C-alpha cells in the first residue's frame, strides 16, 4: 500500500462518541482485514483489544493504534508495532518497509474521523507524533510526521 484508497476503509464508530464533539479520550485501532489492503478502523474511547486479538496472525502482526493527547498541546499519538512477521521481511529492513505505508495508514485514520478533525482548528493543526516499537532497539523512536490536516489533503 503506497496510498490510501477510501473505498477500502471500513469504519466501526463507537456509539457513545460524538462524531464532531470534544470527546477525549478518543482512540483508533487500525487493522488489516484481508490481503487486498482493506483496512478496518475502530474509533472508540480506548484501543479495541478485541479486534487486535481476533485479527492476530503471526505472519502479519503489524498494527497501528492512535490516541489524541493534550499533554503539552493537542497531538495525535500514533503507535506502530512492527514485529518480525513473515510477509514483509525480517530484521532491520522491516521498520523502513512499514514507514513507506505509514502515510497511507495515517491518512486512513484521518479520513475515517474527518468530521471530528475538521470540526476544530486545534485538531486540524495538531501534530502527528509516531512512536515505533520493534524488536530492534535502534528503531524504537518517536518522530514528528507533521500536521494531521496534511494527511487529509492526501485523500
C-alpha atoms as a PDB file:
ATOM      1  CA  UNK A   1       0.000   0.000   0.000  1.00  0.00           C
ATOM      2  CA  UNK A   2       1.555   3.285  -1.031  1.00  0.00           C
ATOM      3  CA  UNK A   3      -1.553   5.473  -0.983  1.00  0.00           C
ATOM      4  CA  UNK A   4      -4.862   5.385   0.835  1.00  0.00           C
ATOM      5  CA  UNK A   5      -7.998   4.328  -1.053  1.00  0.00           C
ATOM      6  CA  UNK A   6     -11.136   5.495   0.823  1.00  0.00           C
ATOM      7  CA  UNK A   7     -13.246   2.660  -0.619  1.00  0.00           C
ATOM      8  CA  UNK A   8     -11.007   0.152   1.195  1.00  0.00           C
ATOM      9  CA  UNK A   9     -11.690   1.625   4.644  1.00  0.00           C
ATOM     10  CA  UNK A  10     -14.343   0.106   6.907  1.00  0.00           C
ATOM     11  CA  UNK A  11     -15.116   2.238   9.976  1.00  0.00           C
ATOM     12  CA  UNK A  12     -16.643   0.951  13.207  1.00  0.00           C
ATOM     13  CA  UNK A  13     -17.668   4.061  15.159  1.00  0.00           C
ATOM     14  CA  UNK A  14     -18.423   3.590  18.860  1.00  0.00           C
ATOM     15  CA  UNK A  15     -21.929   4.885  19.504  1.00  0.00           C
ATOM     16  CA  UNK A  16     -21.021   6.772  22.685  1.00  0.00           C
ATOM     17  CA  UNK A  17     -18.792   9.215  20.773  1.00  0.00           C
ATOM     18  CA  UNK A  18     -19.988  12.399  19.131  1.00  0.00           C
ATOM     19  CA  UNK A  19     -18.607  12.447  15.562  1.00  0.00           C
ATOM     20  CA  UNK A  20     -17.744  16.159  15.839  1.00  0.00           C
ATOM     21  CA  UNK A  21     -17.614  16.686  19.595  1.00  0.00           C
ATOM     22  CA  UNK A  22     -14.826  17.149  22.075  1.00  0.00           C
ATOM     23  CA  UNK A  23     -14.795  13.510  23.106  1.00  0.00           C
ATOM     24  CA  UNK A  24     -11.434  12.752  24.646  1.00  0.00           C
ATOM     25  CA  UNK A  25     -10.173  10.180  25.178  1.00  0.00           C
ATOM     26  CA  UNK A  26     -10.531   9.130  21.563  1.00  0.00           C
ATOM     27  CA  UNK A  27      -8.624   6.161  20.172  1.00  0.00           C
ATOM     28  CA  UNK A  28      -8.133   4.433  16.843  1.00  0.00           C
ATOM     29  CA  UNK A  29      -7.380   0.792  16.145  1.00  0.00           C
ATOM     30  CA  UNK A  30      -6.363   0.120  12.547  1.00  0.00           C
ATOM     31  CA  UNK A  31      -6.076  -3.497  11.439  1.00  0.00           C
ATOM     32  CA  UNK A  32      -5.916  -5.211   8.056  1.00  0.00           C
ATOM     33  CA  UNK A  33      -8.986  -7.253   7.140  1.00  0.00           C
ATOM     34  CA  UNK A  34      -7.623  -9.118   4.125  1.00  0.00           C
ATOM     35  CA  UNK A  35      -4.672  -9.317   1.736  1.00  0.00           C
ATOM     36  CA  UNK A  36      -6.323  -6.862  -0.715  1.00  0.00           C
ATOM     37  CA  UNK A  37      -5.353  -3.979   1.589  1.00  0.00           C
ATOM     38  CA  UNK A  38      -8.777  -3.454   3.108  1.00  0.00           C
ATOM     39  CA  UNK A  39      -8.487  -1.704   6.460  1.00  0.00           C
ATOM     40  CA  UNK A  40     -10.742  -1.874   9.498  1.00  0.00           C
ATOM     41  CA  UNK A  41     -10.731   1.269  11.656  1.00  0.00           C
ATOM     42  CA  UNK A  42     -12.356   1.249  15.079  1.00  0.00           C
ATOM     43  CA  UNK A  43     -12.981   4.672  16.623  1.00  0.00           C
ATOM     44  CA  UNK A  44     -13.712   4.490  20.342  1.00  0.00           C
ATOM     45  CA  UNK A  45     -12.610   5.811  23.728  1.00  0.00           C
ATOM     46  CA  UNK A  46      -9.817   3.226  24.007  1.00  0.00           C
ATOM     47  CA  UNK A  47      -7.828   0.822  21.839  1.00  0.00           C
ATOM     48  CA  UNK A  48     -10.065  -2.050  20.695  1.00  0.00           C
ATOM     49  CA  UNK A  49      -8.263  -5.040  22.225  1.00  0.00           C
ATOM     50  CA  UNK A  50     -10.883  -7.452  20.880  1.00  0.00           C
ATOM     51  CA  UNK A  51     -10.086  -6.503  17.274  1.00  0.00           C
ATOM     52  CA  UNK A  52      -6.394  -6.940  17.877  1.00  0.00           C
ATOM     53  CA  UNK A  53      -6.622 -10.433  19.315  1.00  0.00           C
ATOM     54  CA  UNK A  54      -9.314 -11.507  16.826  1.00  0.00           C
ATOM     55  CA  UNK A  55      -7.155 -10.445  13.881  1.00  0.00           C
ATOM     56  CA  UNK A  56      -3.866 -11.732  15.222  1.00  0.00           C
ATOM     57  CA  UNK A  57      -1.858 -13.635  12.669  1.00  0.00           C
ATOM     58  CA  UNK A  58       1.744 -14.496  13.440  1.00  0.00           C
ATOM     59  CA  UNK A  59       2.774 -13.946   9.818  1.00  0.00           C
ATOM     60  CA  UNK A  60       1.460 -10.376   9.652  1.00  0.00           C
ATOM     61  CA  UNK A  61       1.469  -8.705  13.028  1.00  0.00           C
ATOM     62  CA  UNK A  62       1.945  -5.043  12.141  1.00  0.00           C
ATOM     63  CA  UNK A  63      -0.644  -2.920  13.891  1.00  0.00           C
ATOM     64  CA  UNK A  64      -1.332   0.779  14.187  1.00  0.00           C
ATOM     65  CA  UNK A  65      -3.024   2.436  17.145  1.00  0.00           C
ATOM     66  CA  UNK A  66      -3.554   6.123  17.801  1.00  0.00           C
ATOM     67  CA  UNK A  67      -4.882   8.337  20.553  1.00  0.00           C
ATOM     68  CA  UNK A  68      -5.420  12.048  20.973  1.00  0.00           C
ATOM     69  CA  UNK A  69      -3.465  13.514  23.871  1.00  0.00           C
ATOM     70  CA  UNK A  70      -3.303  17.013  25.260  1.00  0.00           C
ATOM     71  CA  UNK A  71      -0.137  16.825  27.359  1.00  0.00           C
ATOM     72  CA  UNK A  72       1.679  19.960  26.173  1.00  0.00           C
ATOM     73  CA  UNK A  73      -0.725  20.783  23.352  1.00  0.00           C
ATOM     74  CA  UNK A  74      -3.137  18.643  21.386  1.00  0.00           C
ATOM     75  CA  UNK A  75      -1.462  15.927  19.296  1.00  0.00           C
ATOM     76  CA  UNK A  76      -2.359  12.651  17.627  1.00  0.00           C
ATOM     77  CA  UNK A  77      -0.045   9.977  19.038  1.00  0.00           C
ATOM     78  CA  UNK A  78       0.362   7.047  16.647  1.00  0.00           C
ATOM     79  CA  UNK A  79       1.808   3.783  17.949  1.00  0.00           C
ATOM     80  CA  UNK A  80       3.291   1.399  15.397  1.00  0.00           C
ATOM     81  CA  UNK A  81       4.109  -2.153  16.435  1.00  0.00           C
ATOM     82  CA  UNK A  82       6.451  -3.654  13.862  1.00  0.00           C
ATOM     83  CA  UNK A  83       7.047  -7.323  14.612  1.00  0.00           C
ATOM     84  CA  UNK A  84       9.148  -9.903  12.844  1.00  0.00           C
ATOM     85  CA  UNK A  85       6.311 -11.200  10.604  1.00  0.00           C
ATOM     86  CA  UNK A  86       6.917 -13.458   7.628  1.00  0.00           C
ATOM     87  CA  UNK A  87       5.186 -11.387   4.947  1.00  0.00           C
ATOM     88  CA  UNK A  88       7.057  -8.079   4.686  1.00  0.00           C
ATOM     89  CA  UNK A  89      10.590  -9.104   5.577  1.00  0.00           C
ATOM     90  CA  UNK A  90      12.644  -9.650   8.668  1.00  0.00           C
ATOM     91  CA  UNK A  91      15.081  -7.773  10.794  1.00  0.00           C
ATOM     92  CA  UNK A  92      16.167  -4.174  10.437  1.00  0.00           C
ATOM     93  CA  UNK A  93      14.596  -3.592   6.993  1.00  0.00           C
ATOM     94  CA  UNK A  94      11.098  -4.153   8.366  1.00  0.00           C
ATOM     95  CA  UNK A  95      10.630  -0.714  10.040  1.00  0.00           C
ATOM     96  CA  UNK A  96      11.688   1.064   6.836  1.00  0.00           C
ATOM     97  CA  UNK A  97       9.252  -1.049   4.792  1.00  0.00           C
ATOM     98  CA  UNK A  98       6.499  -0.149   7.233  1.00  0.00           C
ATOM     99  CA  UNK A  99       7.384   3.564   7.059  1.00  0.00           C
ATOM    100  CA  UNK A 100       6.573   3.509   3.340  1.00  0.00           C
ATOM    101  CA  UNK A 101       2.980   2.536   4.124  1.00  0.00           C
ATOM    102  CA  UNK A 102       2.555   4.699   7.197  1.00  0.00           C
ATOM    103  CA  UNK A 103       1.431   7.910   5.418  1.00  0.00           C
ATOM    104  CA  UNK A 104      -1.451   5.953   3.858  1.00  0.00           C
ATOM    105  CA  UNK A 105      -2.347   4.414   7.221  1.00  0.00           C
ATOM    106  CA  UNK A 106      -2.371   7.801   8.966  1.00  0.00           C
ATOM    107  CA  UNK A 107      -4.466   9.176   6.084  1.00  0.00           C
ATOM    108  CA  UNK A 108      -6.935   6.311   6.702  1.00  0.00           C
ATOM    109  CA  UNK A 109      -7.281   7.315  10.360  1.00  0.00           C
ATOM    110  CA  UNK A 110      -7.693  10.992   9.443  1.00  0.00           C
ATOM    111  CA  UNK A 111     -10.229  10.227   6.724  1.00  0.00           C
ATOM    112  CA  UNK A 112     -12.191   7.852   8.929  1.00  0.00           C
ATOM    113  CA  UNK A 113     -12.633  10.538  11.610  1.00  0.00           C
ATOM    114  CA  UNK A 114     -12.500  13.620   9.378  1.00  0.00           C
ATOM    115  CA  UNK A 115     -15.695  15.167  10.827  1.00  0.00           C
ATOM    116  CA  UNK A 116     -14.047  15.235  14.263  1.00  0.00           C
ATOM    117  CA  UNK A 117     -10.754  16.594  12.943  1.00  0.00           C
ATOM    118  CA  UNK A 118     -12.253  19.266  10.700  1.00  0.00           C
ATOM    119  CA  UNK A 119     -14.675  20.498  13.377  1.00  0.00           C
ATOM    120  CA  UNK A 120     -11.893  22.178  15.371  1.00  0.00           C
ATOM    121  CA  UNK A 121      -8.938  24.320  14.294  1.00  0.00           C
ATOM    122  CA  UNK A 122      -6.670  22.903  17.026  1.00  0.00           C
ATOM    123  CA  UNK A 123      -7.338  19.373  15.780  1.00  0.00           C
ATOM    124  CA  UNK A 124      -6.719  20.297  12.136  1.00  0.00           C
ATOM    125  CA  UNK A 125      -3.310  21.733  13.026  1.00  0.00           C
ATOM    126  CA  UNK A 126      -2.394  19.067  15.560  1.00  0.00           C
ATOM    127  CA  UNK A 127       0.934  17.318  15.043  1.00  0.00           C
ATOM    128  CA  UNK A 128       1.126  13.598  14.367  1.00  0.00           C
ATOM    129  CA  UNK A 129       3.722  12.004  16.639  1.00  0.00           C
ATOM    130  CA  UNK A 130       4.665   8.460  15.626  1.00  0.00           C
ATOM    131  CA  UNK A 131       6.215   6.046  18.123  1.00  0.00           C
ATOM    132  CA  UNK A 132       7.767   2.898  16.652  1.00  0.00           C
ATOM    133  CA  UNK A 133       8.036  -0.270  18.741  1.00  0.00           C
ATOM    134  CA  UNK A 134      10.199  -3.001  17.236  1.00  0.00           C
ATOM    135  CA  UNK A 135      12.317  -5.915  18.461  1.00  0.00           C
ATOM    136  CA  UNK A 136      15.326  -3.878  17.225  1.00  0.00           C
ATOM    137  CA  UNK A 137      16.077  -1.242  19.869  1.00  0.00           C
ATOM    138  CA  UNK A 138      17.766   1.077  17.364  1.00  0.00           C
ATOM    139  CA  UNK A 139      14.421   1.580  15.608  1.00  0.00           C
ATOM    140  CA  UNK A 140      12.384   2.331  18.755  1.00  0.00           C
ATOM    141  CA  UNK A 141      11.891   6.065  18.354  1.00  0.00           C
ATOM    142  CA  UNK A 142       9.352   8.877  18.163  1.00  0.00           C
ATOM    143  CA  UNK A 143       9.056  11.045  15.054  1.00  0.00           C
ATOM    144  CA  UNK A 144       7.035  14.163  14.221  1.00  0.00           C
ATOM    145  CA  UNK A 145       5.196  13.492  10.944  1.00  0.00           C
ATOM    146  CA  UNK A 146       3.656  16.957  10.504  1.00  0.00           C
ATOM    147  CA  UNK A 147       0.072  18.124  10.954  1.00  0.00           C
ATOM    148  CA  UNK A 148      -2.940  15.813  10.682  1.00  0.00           C
ATOM    149  CA  UNK A 149      -4.501  18.155   8.102  1.00  0.00           C
ATOM    150  CA  UNK A 150      -1.662  17.290   5.698  1.00  0.00           C
ATOM    151  CA  UNK A 151      -2.823  13.659   5.732  1.00  0.00           C
ATOM    152  CA  UNK A 152      -6.411  14.657   4.960  1.00  0.00           C
ATOM    153  CA  UNK A 153      -5.223  16.590   1.929  1.00  0.00           C
ATOM    154  CA  UNK A 154      -3.717  13.361   0.519  1.00  0.00           C
ATOM    155  CA  UNK A 155      -7.169  11.798   0.147  1.00  0.00           C
END
